[in-house]
Protein backbone atom coordinates (compact mmCIF):
# COMPACT_ATOMS: atom_id res chain seq x y z
CA MET A 1 72.80 99.29 117.11
CA LYS A 2 72.73 96.97 114.11
CA ILE A 3 74.89 97.53 111.01
CA ALA A 4 73.72 96.35 107.58
CA VAL A 5 76.41 95.36 105.10
CA ILE A 6 75.03 95.04 101.59
CA GLY A 7 77.85 93.68 99.49
CA SER A 8 80.12 90.96 98.25
CA VAL A 9 80.90 87.49 99.53
CA MET A 10 84.07 85.96 98.07
CA VAL A 11 86.60 83.22 98.69
CA ASP A 12 90.22 84.38 98.87
CA LEU A 13 92.83 82.16 97.23
CA ILE A 14 96.11 83.56 98.56
CA ALA A 15 99.61 82.78 97.24
CA TYR A 16 102.63 84.06 99.19
CA THR A 17 105.53 84.53 96.81
CA ASP A 18 108.84 86.40 96.61
CA THR A 19 108.05 87.71 93.13
CA VAL A 20 104.98 87.66 90.88
CA PRO A 21 105.39 85.65 87.63
CA LYS A 22 105.90 87.47 84.35
CA ALA A 23 103.95 86.52 81.23
CA GLY A 24 104.70 82.90 80.35
CA GLU A 25 106.72 82.35 83.52
CA THR A 26 106.08 79.65 86.15
CA LEU A 27 107.37 80.16 89.68
CA VAL A 28 107.15 78.16 92.89
CA ALA A 29 105.41 80.09 95.67
CA LYS A 30 106.30 79.71 99.33
CA GLU A 31 102.84 79.21 100.78
CA PHE A 32 99.12 79.01 99.95
CA ALA A 33 96.08 79.82 102.04
CA MET A 34 92.35 79.86 101.39
CA GLY A 35 90.10 82.17 103.33
CA CYS A 36 86.70 83.78 103.31
CA GLY A 37 86.65 87.25 101.83
CA GLY A 38 84.85 89.75 99.65
CA LYS A 39 84.90 93.37 100.71
CA GLY A 40 81.38 93.21 102.09
CA ALA A 41 82.02 90.03 104.06
CA ASN A 42 85.34 91.35 105.37
CA GLN A 43 83.77 94.55 106.66
CA ALA A 44 80.90 92.62 108.23
CA VAL A 45 83.24 90.22 110.04
CA ALA A 46 85.53 92.99 111.29
CA ALA A 47 82.58 94.91 112.74
CA SER A 48 81.14 91.75 114.30
CA LYS A 49 84.48 90.78 115.85
CA LEU A 50 84.48 94.16 117.55
CA GLY A 51 81.08 93.53 119.09
CA ALA A 52 78.67 95.11 116.60
CA GLU A 53 75.43 93.41 115.63
CA VAL A 54 75.74 92.85 111.87
CA LEU A 55 73.24 91.90 109.19
CA MET A 56 74.88 90.70 105.96
CA MET A 57 73.02 90.88 102.66
CA GLY A 58 74.68 89.11 99.73
CA ARG A 59 74.68 86.21 97.31
CA VAL A 60 76.75 83.00 97.04
CA GLY A 61 76.81 80.24 94.41
CA ASP A 62 75.63 76.67 94.69
CA ASP A 63 79.14 75.25 95.10
CA ALA A 64 81.34 74.06 97.99
CA PHE A 65 82.58 77.60 98.59
CA ALA A 66 79.05 78.71 99.52
CA GLU A 67 78.71 76.43 102.54
CA ASN A 68 82.13 77.49 103.74
CA SER A 69 81.18 81.17 103.50
CA LEU A 70 77.88 80.69 105.33
CA ALA A 71 79.55 78.71 108.11
CA ASN A 72 82.19 81.40 108.42
CA PHE A 73 79.57 84.13 108.92
CA GLU A 74 77.88 82.05 111.60
CA LYS A 75 81.25 81.46 113.29
CA TYR A 76 81.72 85.20 113.67
CA GLY A 77 78.13 85.98 114.64
CA VAL A 78 77.05 87.69 111.40
CA SER A 79 73.39 87.21 110.46
CA THR A 80 73.05 85.24 107.19
CA LYS A 81 69.27 85.44 106.84
CA HIS A 82 69.71 87.47 103.67
CA VAL A 83 72.73 85.65 102.22
CA THR A 84 71.24 83.21 99.72
CA LYS A 85 72.47 80.80 97.05
CA VAL A 86 72.09 81.45 93.31
CA PRO A 87 71.47 78.18 91.39
CA GLY A 88 73.83 77.38 88.53
CA VAL A 89 76.30 80.14 89.39
CA SER A 90 79.71 79.99 91.04
CA SER A 91 80.50 81.80 94.25
CA GLY A 92 82.75 84.81 93.91
CA VAL A 93 86.47 84.11 94.17
CA ALA A 94 89.52 86.36 94.53
CA PRO A 95 92.98 85.02 93.63
CA ILE A 96 95.52 87.09 95.62
CA TRP A 97 99.30 87.30 95.31
CA VAL A 98 101.27 88.64 98.27
CA ASP A 99 104.92 89.46 97.51
CA ALA A 100 108.02 89.68 99.70
CA ASP A 101 107.24 93.34 100.48
CA SER A 102 103.78 92.37 101.80
CA GLN A 103 102.12 94.13 98.86
CA ASN A 104 99.13 92.40 97.29
CA ARG A 105 97.72 92.02 93.79
CA ILE A 106 94.13 90.84 93.48
CA LEU A 107 91.85 89.52 90.74
CA ILE A 108 88.11 89.45 91.40
CA ILE A 109 85.69 86.99 89.77
CA PRO A 110 82.30 88.21 91.08
CA GLY A 111 80.15 85.18 90.26
CA ALA A 112 76.97 85.15 92.36
CA ASN A 113 77.67 88.63 93.71
CA MET A 114 76.35 90.12 90.46
CA HIS A 115 72.96 88.53 91.19
CA LEU A 116 72.26 90.75 94.20
CA LEU A 117 69.60 93.02 92.68
CA PRO A 118 67.62 96.10 93.77
CA ALA A 119 64.45 94.03 94.13
CA ASP A 120 66.20 91.93 96.77
CA LEU A 121 66.23 94.93 99.10
CA ASP A 122 62.45 94.61 99.41
CA ALA A 123 62.75 91.18 101.03
CA ALA A 124 65.05 92.61 103.69
CA ALA A 125 63.33 96.00 104.07
CA ASP A 126 61.84 95.42 107.53
CA GLU A 127 65.19 94.44 109.03
CA LEU A 128 67.16 97.08 107.13
CA LYS A 129 64.91 99.77 108.61
CA GLN A 130 66.08 98.69 112.07
CA CYS A 131 69.74 99.30 111.25
CA SER A 132 71.78 102.30 112.33
CA MET A 133 74.06 102.27 109.27
CA ILE A 134 74.28 100.76 105.78
CA ILE A 135 77.71 99.87 104.40
CA LEU A 136 78.25 99.46 100.64
CA GLN A 137 81.08 98.66 98.22
CA LEU A 138 81.29 98.21 94.43
CA GLU A 139 81.63 94.43 94.10
CA ILE A 140 77.89 94.15 93.45
CA PRO A 141 75.83 95.74 90.62
CA LEU A 142 75.86 99.54 90.65
CA GLU A 143 72.07 99.67 90.39
CA THR A 144 71.88 97.73 93.67
CA VAL A 145 74.29 100.17 95.29
CA TYR A 146 72.16 103.10 94.12
CA ALA A 147 68.97 101.42 95.36
CA ALA A 148 70.54 100.86 98.77
CA ILE A 149 71.59 104.52 98.96
CA GLU A 150 68.04 105.57 98.10
CA PHE A 151 66.71 103.18 100.77
CA GLY A 152 69.02 104.64 103.39
CA ASN A 153 68.09 108.20 102.45
CA SER A 154 64.36 107.44 102.48
CA ASN A 155 64.54 105.83 105.91
CA GLY A 156 66.96 108.19 107.61
CA ILE A 157 69.76 105.60 107.82
CA PRO A 158 73.36 106.85 107.41
CA VAL A 159 75.15 105.28 104.43
CA LEU A 160 78.88 104.58 104.06
CA LEU A 161 80.15 103.87 100.54
CA ASN A 162 83.55 102.30 99.98
CA PRO A 163 84.11 102.81 96.20
CA ALA A 164 86.13 99.64 95.72
CA PRO A 165 87.03 98.44 93.25
CA ALA A 166 86.96 101.98 91.89
CA SER A 167 84.82 102.58 88.82
CA THR A 168 84.62 105.70 86.70
CA GLU A 169 81.00 104.68 86.03
CA LEU A 170 80.09 105.57 89.63
CA ASP A 171 77.56 108.42 89.64
CA ILE A 172 79.06 111.07 91.90
CA ASP A 173 75.56 112.40 92.63
CA TYR A 174 74.79 109.13 94.42
CA ALA A 175 78.12 109.30 96.25
CA CYS A 176 77.13 112.75 97.52
CA ARG A 177 73.98 111.24 99.00
CA CYS A 178 76.12 109.07 101.27
CA ASP A 179 77.15 110.23 104.73
CA TYR A 180 80.65 108.77 104.38
CA PHE A 181 82.68 108.17 101.21
CA VAL A 182 85.81 106.11 101.88
CA PRO A 183 88.28 105.45 99.01
CA ASN A 184 91.96 104.59 99.30
CA GLU A 185 94.69 106.46 97.40
CA THR A 186 94.47 104.28 94.29
CA GLU A 187 90.70 104.56 94.16
CA LEU A 188 90.94 108.32 94.64
CA GLU A 189 93.29 108.51 91.64
CA ILE A 190 90.96 106.46 89.45
CA LEU A 191 87.85 108.40 90.46
CA THR A 192 89.41 111.83 89.90
CA GLY A 193 91.97 111.18 87.16
CA MET A 194 94.41 113.20 89.26
CA PRO A 195 97.85 112.19 90.59
CA VAL A 196 98.21 111.10 94.23
CA GLY A 197 101.98 110.82 94.50
CA ASN A 198 102.38 113.02 97.58
CA ASP A 199 100.36 114.63 100.36
CA ASP A 200 99.59 117.79 98.38
CA GLU A 201 98.39 115.82 95.35
CA ILE A 202 96.22 113.61 97.55
CA ALA A 203 94.69 116.68 99.19
CA ALA A 204 94.06 118.29 95.80
CA ALA A 205 92.40 115.18 94.39
CA ALA A 206 90.30 114.79 97.53
CA SER A 207 89.30 118.46 97.40
CA SER A 208 88.09 118.05 93.82
CA LEU A 209 85.69 115.33 95.01
CA LEU A 210 84.64 117.25 98.10
CA ALA A 211 83.77 120.23 95.89
CA LYS A 212 81.15 118.08 94.16
CA GLY A 213 79.17 117.90 97.39
CA LEU A 214 80.46 114.97 99.46
CA LYS A 215 79.57 115.22 103.14
CA ASN A 216 82.49 113.31 104.69
CA LEU A 217 85.41 112.17 102.53
CA ILE A 218 87.81 109.77 104.22
CA VAL A 219 90.88 108.68 102.25
CA THR A 220 92.70 105.68 103.70
CA LEU A 221 96.45 106.05 103.21
CA GLY A 222 97.93 102.71 104.27
CA ASP A 223 100.84 103.13 106.67
CA LYS A 224 100.30 106.92 106.52
CA GLY A 225 96.94 106.67 108.25
CA ALA A 226 93.86 108.44 106.91
CA LEU A 227 92.71 111.87 105.73
CA TRP A 228 89.25 113.16 106.76
CA MET A 229 87.80 116.11 104.90
CA HIS A 230 84.39 117.68 105.49
CA GLY A 231 83.32 121.20 104.63
CA SER A 232 86.39 123.37 105.04
CA GLU A 233 87.89 121.06 107.67
CA ARG A 234 90.80 118.72 107.02
CA GLN A 235 92.22 116.27 109.56
CA HIS A 236 95.02 113.74 109.15
CA VAL A 237 95.11 110.68 111.42
CA SER A 238 98.55 109.07 111.69
CA ALA A 239 99.06 105.31 111.86
CA PRO A 240 101.21 103.53 114.42
CA THR A 241 104.45 102.00 113.16
CA VAL A 242 104.15 98.23 112.70
CA SER A 243 105.98 95.43 110.89
CA ALA A 244 103.68 94.48 108.01
CA VAL A 245 103.28 90.82 107.09
CA ASP A 246 100.21 90.96 104.82
CA THR A 247 98.29 94.11 103.88
CA THR A 248 95.34 92.22 102.36
CA GLY A 249 92.03 93.43 103.75
CA ALA A 250 93.44 96.26 105.85
CA GLY A 251 91.07 98.79 104.28
CA ASP A 252 88.09 96.54 105.00
CA GLY A 253 89.23 96.20 108.60
CA PHE A 254 89.37 99.99 108.81
CA ILE A 255 85.79 100.34 107.58
CA GLY A 256 84.47 97.54 109.80
CA CYS A 257 86.04 99.13 112.86
CA PHE A 258 84.93 102.65 111.90
CA ALA A 259 81.33 101.49 111.46
CA ALA A 260 81.35 99.51 114.70
CA GLU A 261 82.64 102.56 116.57
CA LEU A 262 79.99 104.85 115.08
CA ALA A 263 77.27 102.31 115.89
CA ALA A 264 78.51 102.29 119.48
CA GLY A 265 78.16 106.08 119.69
CA THR A 266 81.81 107.07 119.23
CA ASP A 267 82.35 110.46 117.57
CA VAL A 268 83.84 110.50 114.07
CA ALA A 269 87.33 111.73 115.05
CA ALA A 270 87.77 109.09 117.76
CA ALA A 271 86.29 106.40 115.52
CA LEU A 272 88.82 107.27 112.80
CA GLY A 273 91.70 107.01 115.24
CA ARG A 274 90.63 103.57 116.38
CA ALA A 275 89.98 102.43 112.80
CA VAL A 276 93.48 103.46 111.70
CA SER A 277 94.99 101.55 114.60
CA TYR A 278 92.78 98.52 113.90
CA ALA A 279 93.85 98.42 110.26
CA SER A 280 97.49 98.78 111.31
CA HIS A 281 97.15 95.82 113.64
CA SER A 282 95.58 93.72 110.88
CA VAL A 283 98.65 93.92 108.63
CA THR A 284 100.78 92.25 111.31
CA GLY A 285 99.02 88.92 110.65
CA LYS A 286 98.47 86.79 107.56
CA GLY A 287 95.18 86.52 105.74
CA THR A 288 92.19 88.81 105.68
CA GLN A 289 89.45 88.05 108.19
CA THR A 290 91.84 85.89 110.19
CA SER A 291 94.01 88.96 110.78
CA TYR A 292 91.18 90.99 112.32
CA ALA A 293 91.33 91.31 116.10
CA THR A 294 88.43 90.82 118.47
CA ALA A 295 87.58 93.70 120.78
CA GLU A 296 89.61 92.07 123.56
CA GLU A 297 92.62 91.36 121.34
CA PHE A 298 92.56 94.89 119.96
CA ALA A 299 92.36 96.46 123.42
CA GLN A 300 95.34 94.38 124.55
CA TRP A 301 97.37 95.36 121.48
CA GLN A 302 96.53 99.02 121.87
CA SER A 303 97.69 99.02 125.47
CA SER A 304 101.14 97.97 124.31
CA HIS A 305 101.29 100.45 121.41
């Protein structure tokens, strides 16, 4: 079944450094890499690498980055029929710093992504209606996110919302209309205003959101796995122990894998287990999309872990 990803297309500009510069300080970094990114694009590529049929809907600028992004989608088998250029606007870019502890710091310059508007859904309506799931993030205008949720609800299509980057402007009523709501710990803290320093605090913050009417709340917890809460049920999925090299894009890999599994008919619990493992594998390689395994590579890695 086809997955529709309505979201951001960015270019990642990644610096690998021992320490991040302080104000006014200039440091020499160890390595630089440029890759295709954006949370929407990352999730689309991860799902496609795992064998899902993926339709991407997004916007790029009229610069050199745009052609690179389009070619990258085609390389990984993601449909670009609804990824179009916006004249006179730059493509979205994301400067990323990865430190010696493999932790990342990211700036997002949305560019053309902010030109993906609710009216654009009409042009893709026929194809969107053929999809088995819609995946959304918050690197595009909120009104477009809301319109996509309404479209999914009206057409009986399950919707997954990844509230990243987290925004307190997000209308929780729209979040409750999604079938899956998937923040990480930091996003959970921002959305609730509650501490998330330990397991009990995370559970309390998650419960406060669940009480508002969310159907399935999935909190990704990095190397601690993921927490799934629905109704009165609570399930923690542990992550395998790995040696992290670069954590950039791990959450997007999780969502891409989770969606691909659901589209293939896997039940939620099993899909979560595979998604946690997939995200864990991704942090063992550098980069974002380049660190995502194909179905064959993932199966081989799982057999040895």
